[in-house]
Amino acid sequence: GIVSSVRRMQQGEMGWYQIDAAVNSGNSGGPLIDPETGQVLGVIT
């Protein structure tokens, strides 16, 4: 999928990525991966 939004915390710090990829019970704790680098960009919450 894609990053749909970058949600911010206090002082403009990134808080969450909103994504449109399918997330279901059991995906919690899994990696959000950059398909270009294979690196972890986040933790599915």
PDB file of all heavy atoms in Angstrom:
ATOM      1  N   GLY A   1       0.836  -1.182   0.000  1.00  0.00           N
ATOM      2  CA  GLY A   1       0.000   0.000   0.000  1.00  0.00           C
ATOM      3  C   GLY A   1       0.870   1.230   0.000  1.00  0.00           C
ATOM      4  O   GLY A   1       2.011   1.201  -0.468  1.00  0.00           O
ATOM      5  N   ILE A   2       0.318   2.312   0.551  1.00  0.00           N
ATOM      6  CA  ILE A   2       1.051   3.573   0.640  1.00  0.00           C
ATOM      7  C   ILE A   2       0.845   4.200   2.013  1.00  0.00           C
ATOM      8  O   ILE A   2      -0.064   3.833   2.741  1.00  0.00           O
ATOM      9  CB  ILE A   2       0.602   4.588  -0.440  1.00  0.00           C
ATOM     10  CG1 ILE A   2      -0.879   4.950  -0.256  1.00  0.00           C
ATOM     11  CG2 ILE A   2       0.901   4.076  -1.845  1.00  0.00           C
ATOM     12  CD1 ILE A   2      -1.319   6.175  -1.032  1.00  0.00           C
ATOM     13  N   VAL A   3       1.698   5.156   2.319  1.00  0.00           N
ATOM     14  CA  VAL A   3       1.485   5.992   3.497  1.00  0.00           C
ATOM     15  C   VAL A   3       0.413   7.000   3.109  1.00  0.00           C
ATOM     16  O   VAL A   3       0.584   7.761   2.154  1.00  0.00           O
ATOM     17  CB  VAL A   3       2.789   6.702   3.929  1.00  0.00           C
ATOM     18  CG1 VAL A   3       2.521   7.711   5.037  1.00  0.00           C
ATOM     19  CG2 VAL A   3       3.835   5.683   4.361  1.00  0.00           C
ATOM     20  N   SER A   4      -0.712   6.972   3.820  1.00  0.00           N
ATOM     21  CA  SER A   4      -1.826   7.868   3.520  1.00  0.00           C
ATOM     22  C   SER A   4      -1.702   9.204   4.227  1.00  0.00           C
ATOM     23  O   SER A   4      -2.214  10.216   3.757  1.00  0.00           O
ATOM     24  CB  SER A   4      -3.146   7.222   3.950  1.00  0.00           C
ATOM     25  OG  SER A   4      -3.313   5.971   3.336  1.00  0.00           O
ATOM     26  N   SER A   5      -1.050   9.202   5.408  1.00  0.00           N
ATOM     27  CA  SER A   5      -0.907  10.415   6.196  1.00  0.00           C
ATOM     28  C   SER A   5       0.231  10.218   7.183  1.00  0.00           C
ATOM     29  O   SER A   5       0.512   9.094   7.595  1.00  0.00           O
ATOM     30  CB  SER A   5      -2.204  10.703   6.952  1.00  0.00           C
ATOM     31  OG  SER A   5      -2.070  11.844   7.780  1.00  0.00           O
ATOM     32  N   VAL A   6       0.876  11.315   7.548  1.00  0.00           N
ATOM     33  CA  VAL A   6       1.874  11.302   8.611  1.00  0.00           C
ATOM     34  C   VAL A   6       1.279  12.100   9.760  1.00  0.00           C
ATOM     35  O   VAL A   6       1.107  13.314   9.659  1.00  0.00           O
ATOM     36  CB  VAL A   6       3.220  11.904   8.150  1.00  0.00           C
ATOM     37  CG1 VAL A   6       4.220  11.914   9.298  1.00  0.00           C
ATOM     38  CG2 VAL A   6       3.769  11.137   6.952  1.00  0.00           C
ATOM     39  N   ARG A   7       0.912  11.390  10.817  1.00  0.00           N
ATOM     40  CA  ARG A   7       0.290  12.018  11.983  1.00  0.00           C
ATOM     41  C   ARG A   7       1.378  12.514  12.922  1.00  0.00           C
ATOM     42  O   ARG A   7       2.380  11.848  13.128  1.00  0.00           O
ATOM     43  CB  ARG A   7      -0.614  11.018  12.713  1.00  0.00           C
ATOM     44  CG  ARG A   7      -1.673  10.387  11.821  1.00  0.00           C
ATOM     45  CD  ARG A   7      -2.746  11.358  11.496  1.00  0.00           C
ATOM     46  NE  ARG A   7      -3.716  10.756  10.577  1.00  0.00           N
ATOM     47  CZ  ARG A   7      -4.893  11.251  10.381  1.00  0.00           C
ATOM     48  NH1 ARG A   7      -5.283  12.328  11.033  1.00  0.00           N
ATOM     49  NH2 ARG A   7      -5.711  10.687   9.526  1.00  0.00           N
ATOM     50  N   ARG A   8       1.170  13.671  13.508  1.00  0.00           N
ATOM     51  CA  ARG A   8       2.195  14.316  14.337  1.00  0.00           C
ATOM     52  C   ARG A   8       1.839  14.278  15.817  1.00  0.00           C
ATOM     53  O   ARG A   8       0.677  14.215  16.194  1.00  0.00           O
ATOM     54  CB  ARG A   8       2.384  15.773  13.913  1.00  0.00           C
ATOM     55  CG  ARG A   8       2.730  15.946  12.440  1.00  0.00           C
ATOM     56  CD  ARG A   8       4.154  15.694  12.194  1.00  0.00           C
ATOM     57  NE  ARG A   8       4.458  15.737  10.763  1.00  0.00           N
ATOM     58  CZ  ARG A   8       5.627  15.415  10.283  1.00  0.00           C
ATOM     59  NH1 ARG A   8       6.594  15.044  11.081  1.00  0.00           N
ATOM     60  NH2 ARG A   8       5.851  15.459   8.996  1.00  0.00           N
ATOM     61  N   MET A   9       2.882  14.349  16.655  1.00  0.00           N
ATOM     62  CA  MET A   9       2.720  14.493  18.102  1.00  0.00           C
ATOM     63  C   MET A   9       3.087  15.931  18.447  1.00  0.00           C
ATOM     64  O   MET A   9       3.195  16.782  17.558  1.00  0.00           O
ATOM     65  CB  MET A   9       3.630  13.509  18.848  1.00  0.00           C
ATOM     66  CG  MET A   9       3.283  12.058  18.572  1.00  0.00           C
ATOM     67  SD  MET A   9       4.092  10.807  19.596  1.00  0.00           S
ATOM     68  CE  MET A   9       5.795  11.218  19.603  1.00  0.00           C
ATOM     69  N   GLN A  10       3.328  16.189  19.723  1.00  0.00           N
ATOM     70  CA  GLN A  10       3.711  17.534  20.144  1.00  0.00           C
ATOM     71  C   GLN A  10       5.009  17.962  19.458  1.00  0.00           C
ATOM     72  O   GLN A  10       5.845  17.137  19.134  1.00  0.00           O
ATOM     73  CB  GLN A  10       3.907  17.579  21.667  1.00  0.00           C
ATOM     74  CG  GLN A  10       2.640  17.328  22.409  1.00  0.00           C
ATOM     75  CD  GLN A  10       2.804  16.189  23.416  1.00  0.00           C
ATOM     76  OE1 GLN A  10       3.800  15.513  23.451  1.00  0.00           O
ATOM     77  NE2 GLN A  10       1.781  15.985  24.205  1.00  0.00           N
ATOM     78  N   GLN A  11       5.169  19.230  19.267  1.00  0.00           N
ATOM     79  CA  GLN A  11       6.327  19.854  18.625  1.00  0.00           C
ATOM     80  C   GLN A  11       6.579  19.298  17.222  1.00  0.00           C
ATOM     81  O   GLN A  11       7.708  19.270  16.745  1.00  0.00           O
ATOM     82  CB  GLN A  11       7.591  19.707  19.484  1.00  0.00           C
ATOM     83  CG  GLN A  11       7.570  20.545  20.732  1.00  0.00           C
ATOM     84  CD  GLN A  11       7.399  19.695  21.978  1.00  0.00           C
ATOM     85  OE1 GLN A  11       7.554  18.496  21.950  1.00  0.00           O
ATOM     86  NE2 GLN A  11       7.055  20.344  23.078  1.00  0.00           N
ATOM     87  N   GLY A  12       5.543  18.816  16.556  1.00  0.00           N
ATOM     88  CA  GLY A  12       5.651  18.386  15.173  1.00  0.00           C
ATOM     89  C   GLY A  12       6.337  17.058  14.946  1.00  0.00           C
ATOM     90  O   GLY A  12       6.552  16.655  13.817  1.00  0.00           O
ATOM     91  N   GLU A  13       6.689  16.339  16.021  1.00  0.00           N
ATOM     92  CA  GLU A  13       7.365  15.050  15.879  1.00  0.00           C
ATOM     93  C   GLU A  13       6.409  14.016  15.295  1.00  0.00           C
ATOM     94  O   GLU A  13       5.218  14.018  15.599  1.00  0.00           O
ATOM     95  CB  GLU A  13       7.851  14.589  17.254  1.00  0.00           C
ATOM     96  CG  GLU A  13       8.595  13.287  17.203  1.00  0.00           C
ATOM     97  CD  GLU A  13       9.129  12.909  18.564  1.00  0.00           C
ATOM     98  OE1 GLU A  13       8.342  12.849  19.530  1.00  0.00           O
ATOM     99  OE2 GLU A  13      10.335  12.686  18.650  1.00  0.00           O
ATOM    100  N   MET A  14       6.944  13.135  14.435  1.00  0.00           N
ATOM    101  CA  MET A  14       6.120  12.082  13.870  1.00  0.00           C
ATOM    102  C   MET A  14       5.557  11.211  14.982  1.00  0.00           C
ATOM    103  O   MET A  14       6.265  10.844  15.910  1.00  0.00           O
ATOM    104  CB  MET A  14       6.940  11.199  12.931  1.00  0.00           C
ATOM    105  CG  MET A  14       7.219  11.823  11.601  1.00  0.00           C
ATOM    106  SD  MET A  14       8.026  10.661  10.497  1.00  0.00           S
ATOM    107  CE  MET A  14       9.610  10.481  11.283  1.00  0.00           C
ATOM    108  N   GLY A  15       4.288  10.873  14.877  1.00  0.00           N
ATOM    109  CA  GLY A  15       3.650  10.020  15.857  1.00  0.00           C
ATOM    110  C   GLY A  15       3.228   8.688  15.277  1.00  0.00           C
ATOM    111  O   GLY A  15       3.481   7.642  15.839  1.00  0.00           O
ATOM    112  N   TRP A  16       2.569   8.728  14.104  1.00  0.00           N
ATOM    113  CA  TRP A  16       2.087   7.530  13.430  1.00  0.00           C
ATOM    114  C   TRP A  16       2.090   7.755  11.932  1.00  0.00           C
ATOM    115  O   TRP A  16       1.962   8.862  11.458  1.00  0.00           O
ATOM    116  CB  TRP A  16       0.639   7.215  13.815  1.00  0.00           C
ATOM    117  CG  TRP A  16       0.425   6.970  15.255  1.00  0.00           C
ATOM    118  CD1 TRP A  16       0.490   5.759  15.894  1.00  0.00           C
ATOM    119  CD2 TRP A  16       0.100   7.927  16.256  1.00  0.00           C
ATOM    120  NE1 TRP A  16       0.234   5.935  17.215  1.00  0.00           N
ATOM    121  CE2 TRP A  16      -0.011   7.246  17.472  1.00  0.00           C
ATOM    122  CE3 TRP A  16      -0.100   9.308  16.249  1.00  0.00           C
ATOM    123  CZ2 TRP A  16      -0.319   7.881  18.665  1.00  0.00           C
ATOM    124  CZ3 TRP A  16      -0.396   9.942  17.425  1.00  0.00           C
ATOM    125  CH2 TRP A  16      -0.508   9.234  18.612  1.00  0.00           C
ATOM    126  N   TYR A  17       2.178   6.641  11.226  1.00  0.00           N
ATOM    127  CA  TYR A  17       1.864   6.637   9.805  1.00  0.00           C
ATOM    128  C   TYR A  17       0.467   6.059   9.679  1.00  0.00           C
ATOM    129  O   TYR A  17       0.168   5.018  10.259  1.00  0.00           O
ATOM    130  CB  TYR A  17       2.809   5.746   9.001  1.00  0.00           C
ATOM    131  CG  TYR A  17       4.222   6.225   8.942  1.00  0.00           C
ATOM    132  CD1 TYR A  17       5.272   5.352   9.188  1.00  0.00           C
ATOM    133  CD2 TYR A  17       4.518   7.542   8.633  1.00  0.00           C
ATOM    134  CE1 TYR A  17       6.571   5.774   9.118  1.00  0.00           C
ATOM    135  CE2 TYR A  17       5.828   7.976   8.576  1.00  0.00           C
ATOM    136  CZ  TYR A  17       6.850   7.085   8.822  1.00  0.00           C
ATOM    137  OH  TYR A  17       8.136   7.511   8.764  1.00  0.00           O
ATOM    138  N   GLN A  18      -0.375   6.730   8.914  1.00  0.00           N
ATOM    139  CA  GLN A  18      -1.643   6.130   8.519  1.00  0.00           C
ATOM    140  C   GLN A  18      -1.371   5.450   7.193  1.00  0.00           C
ATOM    141  O   GLN A  18      -0.787   6.058   6.291  1.00  0.00           O
ATOM    142  CB  GLN A  18      -2.726   7.197   8.363  1.00  0.00           C
ATOM    143  CG  GLN A  18      -4.064   6.621   7.945  1.00  0.00           C
ATOM    144  CD  GLN A  18      -5.110   7.701   7.773  1.00  0.00           C
ATOM    145  OE1 GLN A  18      -5.149   8.676   8.511  1.00  0.00           O
ATOM    146  NE2 GLN A  18      -5.967   7.511   6.772  1.00  0.00           N
ATOM    147  N   ILE A  19      -1.770   4.185   7.073  1.00  0.00           N
ATOM    148  CA  ILE A  19      -1.484   3.418   5.863  1.00  0.00           C
ATOM    149  C   ILE A  19      -2.767   2.816   5.305  1.00  0.00           C
ATOM    150  O   ILE A  19      -3.740   2.630   6.033  1.00  0.00           O
ATOM    151  CB  ILE A  19      -0.451   2.303   6.141  1.00  0.00           C
ATOM    152  CG1 ILE A  19      -0.954   1.342   7.224  1.00  0.00           C
ATOM    153  CG2 ILE A  19       0.894   2.908   6.536  1.00  0.00           C
ATOM    154  CD1 ILE A  19      -0.076   0.137   7.455  1.00  0.00           C
ATOM    155  N   ASP A  20      -2.749   2.527   4.000  1.00  0.00           N
ATOM    156  CA  ASP A  20      -3.937   1.934   3.382  1.00  0.00           C
ATOM    157  C   ASP A  20      -3.785   0.442   3.135  1.00  0.00           C
ATOM    158  O   ASP A  20      -4.702  -0.194   2.633  1.00  0.00           O
ATOM    159  CB  ASP A  20      -4.293   2.660   2.081  1.00  0.00           C
ATOM    160  CG  ASP A  20      -3.353   2.334   0.938  1.00  0.00           C
ATOM    161  OD1 ASP A  20      -2.252   1.796   1.173  1.00  0.00           O
ATOM    162  OD2 ASP A  20      -3.725   2.615  -0.215  1.00  0.00           O
ATOM    163  N   ALA A  21      -2.662  -0.155   3.498  1.00  0.00           N
ATOM    164  CA  ALA A  21      -2.474  -1.604   3.360  1.00  0.00           C
ATOM    165  C   ALA A  21      -3.356  -2.322   4.378  1.00  0.00           C
ATOM    166  O   ALA A  21      -3.643  -1.791   5.448  1.00  0.00           O
ATOM    167  CB  ALA A  21      -1.013  -1.978   3.574  1.00  0.00           C
ATOM    168  N   ALA A  22      -3.779  -3.528   4.035  1.00  0.00           N
ATOM    169  CA  ALA A  22      -4.647  -4.298   4.919  1.00  0.00           C
ATOM    170  C   ALA A  22      -3.942  -4.605   6.238  1.00  0.00           C
ATOM    171  O   ALA A  22      -2.840  -5.135   6.255  1.00  0.00           O
ATOM    172  CB  ALA A  22      -5.065  -5.591   4.241  1.00  0.00           C
ATOM    173  N   VAL A  23      -4.584  -4.233   7.339  1.00  0.00           N
ATOM    174  CA  VAL A  23      -4.112  -4.538   8.691  1.00  0.00           C
ATOM    175  C   VAL A  23      -5.263  -5.211   9.418  1.00  0.00           C
ATOM    176  O   VAL A  23      -6.374  -4.681   9.457  1.00  0.00           O
ATOM    177  CB  VAL A  23      -3.681  -3.255   9.447  1.00  0.00           C
ATOM    178  CG1 VAL A  23      -3.377  -3.567  10.902  1.00  0.00           C
ATOM    179  CG2 VAL A  23      -2.490  -2.593   8.775  1.00  0.00           C
ATOM    180  N   ASN A  24      -4.997  -6.391   9.969  1.00  0.00           N
ATOM    181  CA  ASN A  24      -6.015  -7.141  10.692  1.00  0.00           C
ATOM    182  C   ASN A  24      -5.449  -7.618  12.020  1.00  0.00           C
ATOM    183  O   ASN A  24      -4.236  -7.570  12.242  1.00  0.00           O
ATOM    184  CB  ASN A  24      -6.472  -8.353   9.866  1.00  0.00           C
ATOM    185  CG  ASN A  24      -7.205  -7.937   8.620  1.00  0.00           C
ATOM    186  OD1 ASN A  24      -8.326  -7.469   8.696  1.00  0.00           O
ATOM    187  ND2 ASN A  24      -6.566  -8.074   7.465  1.00  0.00           N
ATOM    188  N   SER A  25      -6.324  -8.106  12.903  1.00  0.00           N
ATOM    189  CA  SER A  25      -5.853  -8.702  14.143  1.00  0.00           C
ATOM    190  C   SER A  25      -4.819  -9.761  13.785  1.00  0.00           C
ATOM    191  O   SER A  25      -5.032 -10.556  12.874  1.00  0.00           O
ATOM    192  CB  SER A  25      -7.009  -9.356  14.891  1.00  0.00           C
ATOM    193  OG  SER A  25      -7.963  -8.395  15.245  1.00  0.00           O
ATOM    194  N   GLY A  26      -3.716  -9.767  14.481  1.00  0.00           N
ATOM    195  CA  GLY A  26      -2.623 -10.684  14.173  1.00  0.00           C
ATOM    196  C   GLY A  26      -1.482  -9.992  13.452  1.00  0.00           C
ATOM    197  O   GLY A  26      -0.344 -10.444  13.506  1.00  0.00           O
ATOM    198  N   ASN A  27      -1.766  -8.879  12.748  1.00  0.00           N
ATOM    199  CA  ASN A  27      -0.704  -8.079  12.124  1.00  0.00           C
ATOM    200  C   ASN A  27       0.001  -7.196  13.152  1.00  0.00           C
ATOM    201  O   ASN A  27       1.109  -6.717  12.898  1.00  0.00           O
ATOM    202  CB  ASN A  27      -1.247  -7.160  11.021  1.00  0.00           C
ATOM    203  CG  ASN A  27      -1.520  -7.868   9.732  1.00  0.00           C
ATOM    204  OD1 ASN A  27      -2.672  -8.029   9.356  1.00  0.00           O
ATOM    205  ND2 ASN A  27      -0.481  -8.301   9.047  1.00  0.00           N
ATOM    206  N   SER A  28      -0.634  -6.974  14.289  1.00  0.00           N
ATOM    207  CA  SER A  28      -0.066  -6.098  15.313  1.00  0.00           C
ATOM    208  C   SER A  28       1.355  -6.517  15.655  1.00  0.00           C
ATOM    209  O   SER A  28       1.624  -7.693  15.902  1.00  0.00           O
ATOM    210  CB  SER A  28      -0.900  -6.155  16.590  1.00  0.00           C
ATOM    211  OG  SER A  28      -2.161  -5.594  16.391  1.00  0.00           O
ATOM    212  N   GLY A  29       2.255  -5.540  15.677  1.00  0.00           N
ATOM    213  CA  GLY A  29       3.650  -5.791  16.004  1.00  0.00           C
ATOM    214  C   GLY A  29       4.507  -6.138  14.815  1.00  0.00           C
ATOM    215  O   GLY A  29       5.721  -6.280  14.941  1.00  0.00           O
ATOM    216  N   GLY A  30       3.896  -6.280  13.651  1.00  0.00           N
ATOM    217  CA  GLY A  30       4.658  -6.626  12.450  1.00  0.00           C
ATOM    218  C   GLY A  30       5.378  -5.420  11.872  1.00  0.00           C
ATOM    219  O   GLY A  30       5.100  -4.274  12.221  1.00  0.00           O
ATOM    220  N   PRO A  31       6.318  -5.667  10.967  1.00  0.00           N
ATOM    221  CA  PRO A  31       7.087  -4.572  10.382  1.00  0.00           C
ATOM    222  C   PRO A  31       6.362  -3.886   9.227  1.00  0.00           C
ATOM    223  O   PRO A  31       5.695  -4.524   8.421  1.00  0.00           O
ATOM    224  CB  PRO A  31       8.347  -5.271   9.878  1.00  0.00           C
ATOM    225  CG  PRO A  31       7.889  -6.649   9.528  1.00  0.00           C
ATOM    226  CD  PRO A  31       6.807  -6.980  10.532  1.00  0.00           C
ATOM    227  N   LEU A  32       6.519  -2.573   9.171  1.00  0.00           N
ATOM    228  CA  LEU A  32       6.140  -1.772   8.012  1.00  0.00           C
ATOM    229  C   LEU A  32       7.435  -1.610   7.223  1.00  0.00           C
ATOM    230  O   LEU A  32       8.410  -1.059   7.735  1.00  0.00           O
ATOM    231  CB  LEU A  32       5.604  -0.410   8.446  1.00  0.00           C
ATOM    232  CG  LEU A  32       5.182   0.527   7.328  1.00  0.00           C
ATOM    233  CD1 LEU A  32       3.878   0.046   6.711  1.00  0.00           C
ATOM    234  CD2 LEU A  32       5.036   1.942   7.855  1.00  0.00           C
ATOM    235  N   ILE A  33       7.465  -2.103   5.995  1.00  0.00           N
ATOM    236  CA  ILE A  33       8.716  -2.232   5.244  1.00  0.00           C
ATOM    237  C   ILE A  33       8.744  -1.307   4.046  1.00  0.00           C
ATOM    238  O   ILE A  33       7.756  -1.145   3.333  1.00  0.00           O
ATOM    239  CB  ILE A  33       8.901  -3.687   4.791  1.00  0.00           C
ATOM    240  CG1 ILE A  33       8.967  -4.604   6.027  1.00  0.00           C
ATOM    241  CG2 ILE A  33      10.136  -3.859   3.923  1.00  0.00           C
ATOM    242  CD1 ILE A  33       8.953  -6.064   5.707  1.00  0.00           C
ATOM    243  N   ASP A  34       9.923  -0.733   3.806  1.00  0.00           N
ATOM    244  CA  ASP A  34      10.190   0.036   2.595  1.00  0.00           C
ATOM    245  C   ASP A  34      10.516  -0.971   1.494  1.00  0.00           C
ATOM    246  O   ASP A  34      11.527  -1.670   1.575  1.00  0.00           O
ATOM    247  CB  ASP A  34      11.377   0.976   2.829  1.00  0.00           C
ATOM    248  CG  ASP A  34      11.687   1.854   1.632  1.00  0.00           C
ATOM    249  OD1 ASP A  34      11.395   1.459   0.479  1.00  0.00           O
ATOM    250  OD2 ASP A  34      12.255   2.941   1.848  1.00  0.00           O
ATOM    251  N   PRO A  35       9.678  -1.094   0.449  1.00  0.00           N
ATOM    252  CA  PRO A  35       9.934  -2.098  -0.590  1.00  0.00           C
ATOM    253  C   PRO A  35      11.199  -1.820  -1.407  1.00  0.00           C
ATOM    254  O   PRO A  35      11.737  -2.732  -2.024  1.00  0.00           O
ATOM    255  CB  PRO A  35       8.684  -2.045  -1.471  1.00  0.00           C
ATOM    256  CG  PRO A  35       8.041  -0.736  -1.185  1.00  0.00           C
ATOM    257  CD  PRO A  35       8.448  -0.342   0.198  1.00  0.00           C
ATOM    258  N   GLU A  36      11.678  -0.583  -1.382  1.00  0.00           N
ATOM    259  CA  GLU A  36      12.891  -0.256  -2.144  1.00  0.00           C
ATOM    260  C   GLU A  36      14.156  -0.710  -1.431  1.00  0.00           C
ATOM    261  O   GLU A  36      15.112  -1.134  -2.072  1.00  0.00           O
ATOM    262  CB  GLU A  36      12.944   1.244  -2.413  1.00  0.00           C
ATOM    263  CG  GLU A  36      11.838   1.737  -3.317  1.00  0.00           C
ATOM    264  CD  GLU A  36      11.818   3.241  -3.446  1.00  0.00           C
ATOM    265  OE1 GLU A  36      12.761   3.911  -2.986  1.00  0.00           O
ATOM    266  OE2 GLU A  36      10.836   3.752  -4.020  1.00  0.00           O
ATOM    267  N   THR A  37      14.176  -0.612  -0.096  1.00  0.00           N
ATOM    268  CA  THR A  37      15.387  -0.934   0.672  1.00  0.00           C
ATOM    269  C   THR A  37      15.277  -2.212   1.486  1.00  0.00           C
ATOM    270  O   THR A  37      16.298  -2.763   1.908  1.00  0.00           O
ATOM    271  CB  THR A  37      15.730   0.211   1.644  1.00  0.00           C
ATOM    272  OG1 THR A  37      14.698   0.298   2.636  1.00  0.00           O
ATOM    273  CG2 THR A  37      15.891   1.532   0.912  1.00  0.00           C
ATOM    274  N   GLY A  38      14.057  -2.662   1.759  1.00  0.00           N
ATOM    275  CA  GLY A  38      13.846  -3.816   2.616  1.00  0.00           C
ATOM    276  C   GLY A  38      13.975  -3.490   4.093  1.00  0.00           C
ATOM    277  O   GLY A  38      13.897  -4.378   4.941  1.00  0.00           O
ATOM    278  N   GLN A  39      14.163  -2.223   4.419  1.00  0.00           N
ATOM    279  CA  GLN A  39      14.320  -1.808   5.814  1.00  0.00           C
ATOM    280  C   GLN A  39      12.960  -1.561   6.472  1.00  0.00           C
ATOM    281  O   GLN A  39      11.978  -1.231   5.810  1.00  0.00           O
ATOM    282  CB  GLN A  39      15.151  -0.533   5.895  1.00  0.00           C
ATOM    283  CG  GLN A  39      16.571  -0.703   5.415  1.00  0.00           C
ATOM    284  CD  GLN A  39      17.329   0.612   5.417  1.00  0.00           C
ATOM    285  OE1 GLN A  39      16.764   1.680   5.222  1.00  0.00           O
ATOM    286  NE2 GLN A  39      18.635   0.524   5.643  1.00  0.00           N
ATOM    287  N   VAL A  40      12.952  -1.678   7.802  1.00  0.00           N
ATOM    288  CA  VAL A  40      11.749  -1.423   8.580  1.00  0.00           C
ATOM    289  C   VAL A  40      11.565   0.079   8.750  1.00  0.00           C
ATOM    290  O   VAL A  40      12.463   0.779   9.215  1.00  0.00           O
ATOM    291  CB  VAL A  40      11.825  -2.097   9.967  1.00  0.00           C
ATOM    292  CG1 VAL A  40      10.616  -1.718  10.822  1.00  0.00           C
ATOM    293  CG2 VAL A  40      11.929  -3.601   9.828  1.00  0.00           C
ATOM    294  N   LEU A  41      10.391   0.574   8.362  1.00  0.00           N
ATOM    295  CA  LEU A  41      10.037   1.983   8.537  1.00  0.00           C
ATOM    296  C   LEU A  41       9.165   2.201   9.761  1.00  0.00           C
ATOM    297  O   LEU A  41       9.025   3.329  10.230  1.00  0.00           O
ATOM    298  CB  LEU A  41       9.295   2.505   7.305  1.00  0.00           C
ATOM    299  CG  LEU A  41      10.085   2.548   6.015  1.00  0.00           C
ATOM    300  CD1 LEU A  41       9.187   2.989   4.865  1.00  0.00           C
ATOM    301  CD2 LEU A  41      11.287   3.450   6.153  1.00  0.00           C
ATOM    302  N   GLY A  42       8.535   1.134  10.264  1.00  0.00           N
ATOM    303  CA  GLY A  42       7.655   1.295  11.404  1.00  0.00           C
ATOM    304  C   GLY A  42       7.174  -0.030  11.946  1.00  0.00           C
ATOM    305  O   GLY A  42       7.484  -1.094  11.410  1.00  0.00           O
ATOM    306  N   VAL A  43       6.411   0.052  13.037  1.00  0.00           N
ATOM    307  CA  VAL A  43       5.811  -1.111  13.690  1.00  0.00           C
ATOM    308  C   VAL A  43       4.295  -0.960  13.581  1.00  0.00           C
ATOM    309  O   VAL A  43       3.736   0.044  14.027  1.00  0.00           O
ATOM    310  CB  VAL A  43       6.227  -1.197  15.176  1.00  0.00           C
ATOM    311  CG1 VAL A  43       5.602  -2.425  15.828  1.00  0.00           C
ATOM    312  CG2 VAL A  43       7.743  -1.217  15.324  1.00  0.00           C
ATOM    313  N   ILE A  44       3.634  -1.942  12.977  1.00  0.00           N
ATOM    314  CA  ILE A  44       2.185  -1.912  12.830  1.00  0.00           C
ATOM    315  C   ILE A  44       1.554  -1.914  14.223  1.00  0.00           C
ATOM    316  O   ILE A  44       1.909  -2.736  15.068  1.00  0.00           O
ATOM    317  CB  ILE A  44       1.675  -3.130  12.034  1.00  0.00           C
ATOM    318  CG1 ILE A  44       2.345  -3.199  10.666  1.00  0.00           C
ATOM    319  CG2 ILE A  44       0.151  -3.112  11.912  1.00  0.00           C
ATOM    320  CD1 ILE A  44       2.166  -1.986   9.801  1.00  0.00           C
ATOM    321  N   THR A  45       0.634  -0.974  14.459  1.00  0.00           N
ATOM    322  CA  THR A  45       0.054  -0.863  15.800  1.00  0.00           C
ATOM    323  C   THR A  45      -1.451  -1.112  15.847  1.00  0.00           C
ATOM    324  O   THR A  45      -1.936  -1.699  16.802  1.00  0.00           O
ATOM    325  CB  THR A  45       0.329   0.524  16.421  1.00  0.00           C
ATOM    326  OG1 THR A  45      -0.189   1.525  15.566  1.00  0.00           O
ATOM    327  CG2 THR A  45       1.802   0.736  16.653  1.00  0.00           C
TER     328      THR A  45
END
